[in-house]
């Protein structure tokens, strides 16, 4: 239950079914522990993202990669440096920008700090978010090739990185 434990204390749990129109609902992991369905948990943590595939309570597959919330915060700070913000964006300011800005609906209106726009920051942040989705997708594809079993029926998204406004929708839209 290593993934369940790290997801247990989080505020939000989302899932979607891989073969449907990606309906999103808040859910209860405990109902899947007794199920024979394959369930994936994608935990976007501070420094890494972990993908675990379970069949009931049994862990079938696990992979993690070194991209997480910290990398998103660093991209916000880098955007300030790249686009000439007069005073450096602090870690705390970058965290606030990250938690309150929807980088997926960036229209460029309004400055986040000095003349730094949402569009400019989104241009630096989106590659990090795209990497998280791409590597998650690659992990699940590798699992399918390796085990050639039934398909993963649900994907649970958890971790502090999933709290970014719009990221759950962005993730869902890019999963195969």
Protein backbone atom coordinates (compact mmCIF):
# COMPACT_ATOMS: atom_id res chain seq x y z
CA UNK A 1 0.00 0.00 0.00
CA UNK A 2 2.92 2.37 -0.44
CA UNK A 3 1.05 4.61 -2.89
CA UNK A 4 -2.15 4.47 -0.87
CA UNK A 5 -0.34 5.64 2.22
CA UNK A 6 1.18 8.66 0.49
CA UNK A 7 -2.20 9.56 -1.04
CA UNK A 8 -4.28 8.99 2.08
CA UNK A 9 -3.82 12.39 3.72
CA UNK A 10 -4.38 14.53 0.62
CA UNK A 11 -7.30 16.84 0.06
CA UNK A 12 -8.30 15.75 -3.44
CA UNK A 13 -8.66 12.42 -5.18
CA UNK A 14 -9.66 12.30 -8.82
CA UNK A 15 -10.06 9.38 -11.13
CA UNK A 16 -11.00 8.74 -14.68
CA UNK A 17 -11.76 5.68 -16.71
CA UNK A 18 -9.32 5.15 -19.53
CA UNK A 19 -11.87 3.83 -22.06
CA UNK A 20 -14.63 6.41 -21.56
CA UNK A 21 -15.05 10.12 -22.04
CA UNK A 22 -12.90 10.68 -18.93
CA UNK A 23 -15.56 11.40 -16.39
CA UNK A 24 -14.02 12.96 -13.29
CA UNK A 25 -15.41 12.30 -9.85
CA UNK A 26 -14.17 12.55 -6.32
CA UNK A 27 -13.73 8.99 -5.21
CA UNK A 28 -12.97 6.57 -2.43
CA UNK A 29 -9.88 4.43 -2.96
CA UNK A 30 -11.06 1.85 -0.42
CA UNK A 31 -13.74 0.55 -2.81
CA UNK A 32 -10.98 -0.51 -5.24
CA UNK A 33 -8.90 -2.40 -2.67
CA UNK A 34 -11.33 -5.33 -2.83
CA UNK A 35 -11.81 -5.08 -6.59
CA UNK A 36 -10.05 -7.25 -9.14
CA UNK A 37 -9.74 -4.26 -11.52
CA UNK A 38 -6.35 -2.82 -12.38
CA UNK A 39 -6.07 0.63 -10.85
CA UNK A 40 -3.25 3.14 -11.32
CA UNK A 41 -2.25 5.81 -8.81
CA UNK A 42 -0.25 8.79 -10.09
CA UNK A 43 1.20 10.70 -7.14
CA UNK A 44 2.70 14.05 -8.16
CA UNK A 45 4.84 14.87 -5.15
CA UNK A 46 7.20 17.70 -4.34
CA UNK A 47 10.32 16.21 -5.93
CA UNK A 48 9.11 13.17 -7.86
CA UNK A 49 6.10 11.57 -9.45
CA UNK A 50 5.27 7.95 -8.68
CA UNK A 51 3.04 5.66 -10.72
CA UNK A 52 1.73 2.49 -9.06
CA UNK A 53 -0.57 -0.11 -10.63
CA UNK A 54 -2.63 -2.25 -8.26
CA UNK A 55 -4.90 -5.22 -8.70
CA UNK A 56 -6.99 -5.09 -5.57
CA UNK A 57 -4.57 -4.63 -2.68
CA UNK A 58 -1.62 -6.13 -4.58
CA UNK A 59 1.00 -3.86 -6.13
CA UNK A 60 1.71 -4.99 -9.70
CA UNK A 61 4.03 -2.25 -10.92
CA UNK A 62 5.75 0.88 -9.65
CA UNK A 63 7.86 3.54 -11.31
CA UNK A 64 8.92 6.99 -10.24
CA UNK A 65 10.73 9.81 -11.97
CA UNK A 66 12.36 12.96 -10.69
CA UNK A 67 9.84 15.59 -11.74
CA UNK A 68 7.38 17.12 -9.30
CA UNK A 69 6.04 20.29 -7.73
CA UNK A 70 9.48 21.69 -6.93
CA UNK A 71 10.32 21.72 -10.64
CA UNK A 72 7.16 23.70 -11.38
CA UNK A 73 8.08 26.26 -8.71
CA UNK A 74 11.60 26.52 -10.15
CA UNK A 75 10.09 27.15 -13.61
CA UNK A 76 8.06 30.06 -12.20
CA UNK A 77 11.23 31.57 -10.70
CA UNK A 78 13.11 30.99 -13.97
CA UNK A 79 10.34 32.78 -15.89
CA UNK A 80 10.90 35.85 -13.72
CA UNK A 81 14.63 35.77 -14.45
CA UNK A 82 14.14 35.11 -18.17
CA UNK A 83 11.62 37.88 -18.69
CA UNK A 84 13.42 40.51 -16.61
CA UNK A 85 11.42 40.86 -13.41
CA UNK A 86 13.11 43.67 -11.45
CA UNK A 87 13.15 41.87 -8.10
CA UNK A 88 13.72 38.13 -8.08
CA UNK A 89 10.65 36.00 -7.46
CA UNK A 90 11.07 34.34 -4.07
CA UNK A 91 10.24 30.69 -3.48
CA UNK A 92 7.15 31.73 -1.50
CA UNK A 93 5.96 34.06 -4.28
CA UNK A 94 6.52 31.33 -6.87
CA UNK A 95 4.54 28.85 -4.76
CA UNK A 96 1.66 31.33 -4.49
CA UNK A 97 1.71 31.96 -8.25
CA UNK A 98 1.78 28.20 -8.86
CA UNK A 99 -1.18 27.49 -6.57
CA UNK A 100 -3.38 30.33 -7.83
CA UNK A 101 -2.71 30.56 -11.57
CA UNK A 102 -4.32 28.37 -14.22
CA UNK A 103 -1.44 28.03 -16.69
CA UNK A 104 -3.67 26.12 -19.09
CA UNK A 105 -6.02 29.00 -19.73
CA UNK A 106 -3.32 31.61 -19.85
CA UNK A 107 -4.63 34.60 -21.75
CA UNK A 108 -1.71 36.85 -20.87
CA UNK A 109 -3.91 39.49 -19.30
CA UNK A 110 -2.59 41.01 -16.11
CA UNK A 111 0.87 40.95 -14.63
CA UNK A 112 1.84 38.43 -11.98
CA UNK A 113 4.83 40.48 -10.84
CA UNK A 114 6.17 43.65 -12.43
CA UNK A 115 5.49 43.07 -16.15
CA UNK A 116 5.61 39.27 -16.00
CA UNK A 117 2.47 37.84 -17.62
CA UNK A 118 0.65 34.56 -17.12
CA UNK A 119 1.48 33.60 -20.71
CA UNK A 120 5.20 34.07 -20.10
CA UNK A 121 5.15 31.94 -16.95
CA UNK A 122 2.94 29.32 -18.63
CA UNK A 123 5.54 29.01 -21.38
CA UNK A 124 8.13 28.01 -18.78
CA UNK A 125 5.83 25.84 -16.63
CA UNK A 126 3.98 23.86 -19.30
CA UNK A 127 7.04 21.81 -20.41
CA UNK A 128 7.43 20.57 -16.82
CA UNK A 129 3.74 19.63 -16.65
CA UNK A 130 3.89 18.02 -20.08
CA UNK A 131 6.84 15.92 -18.91
CA UNK A 132 4.84 14.66 -15.93
CA UNK A 133 1.99 13.63 -18.21
CA UNK A 134 4.29 12.12 -20.85
CA UNK A 135 6.27 10.06 -18.33
CA UNK A 136 3.07 8.91 -16.62
CA UNK A 137 1.67 7.86 -19.98
CA UNK A 138 4.93 6.09 -20.87
CA UNK A 139 4.86 4.23 -17.55
CA UNK A 140 1.33 2.96 -18.10
CA UNK A 141 2.15 2.02 -21.70
CA UNK A 142 5.21 0.11 -20.49
CA UNK A 143 3.02 -1.72 -17.98
CA UNK A 144 0.58 -2.69 -20.76
CA UNK A 145 3.42 -4.01 -22.93
CA UNK A 146 5.13 -5.81 -20.08
CA UNK A 147 2.11 -7.61 -18.65
CA UNK A 148 -0.35 -7.68 -21.59
CA UNK A 149 -3.17 -8.07 -19.10
CA UNK A 150 -6.46 -6.30 -18.95
CA UNK A 151 -6.42 -2.52 -19.23
CA UNK A 152 -6.08 -0.19 -16.28
CA UNK A 153 -9.69 0.69 -15.46
CA UNK A 154 -9.11 3.83 -13.37
CA UNK A 155 -6.33 6.30 -12.78
CA UNK A 156 -6.23 8.12 -9.45
CA UNK A 157 -4.40 11.45 -9.41
CA UNK A 158 -3.04 12.63 -6.09
CA UNK A 159 -0.24 14.57 -4.47
CA UNK A 160 0.33 18.26 -3.96
CA UNK A 161 1.26 18.75 -7.62
CA UNK A 162 -2.27 17.82 -8.66
CA UNK A 163 -3.63 20.83 -6.78
CA UNK A 164 -2.45 23.21 -9.51
CA UNK A 165 -5.47 24.92 -11.05
CA UNK A 166 -6.35 23.15 -14.29
CA UNK A 167 -3.68 20.43 -14.08
CA UNK A 168 -6.14 17.58 -13.53
CA UNK A 169 -8.01 18.59 -16.72
CA UNK A 170 -4.73 19.01 -18.64
CA UNK A 171 -3.55 15.57 -17.46
CA UNK A 172 -6.82 13.87 -18.34
CA UNK A 173 -6.96 15.37 -21.83
CA UNK A 174 -3.46 14.13 -22.68
CA UNK A 175 -3.76 10.58 -21.44
CA UNK A 176 -4.40 7.96 -24.13
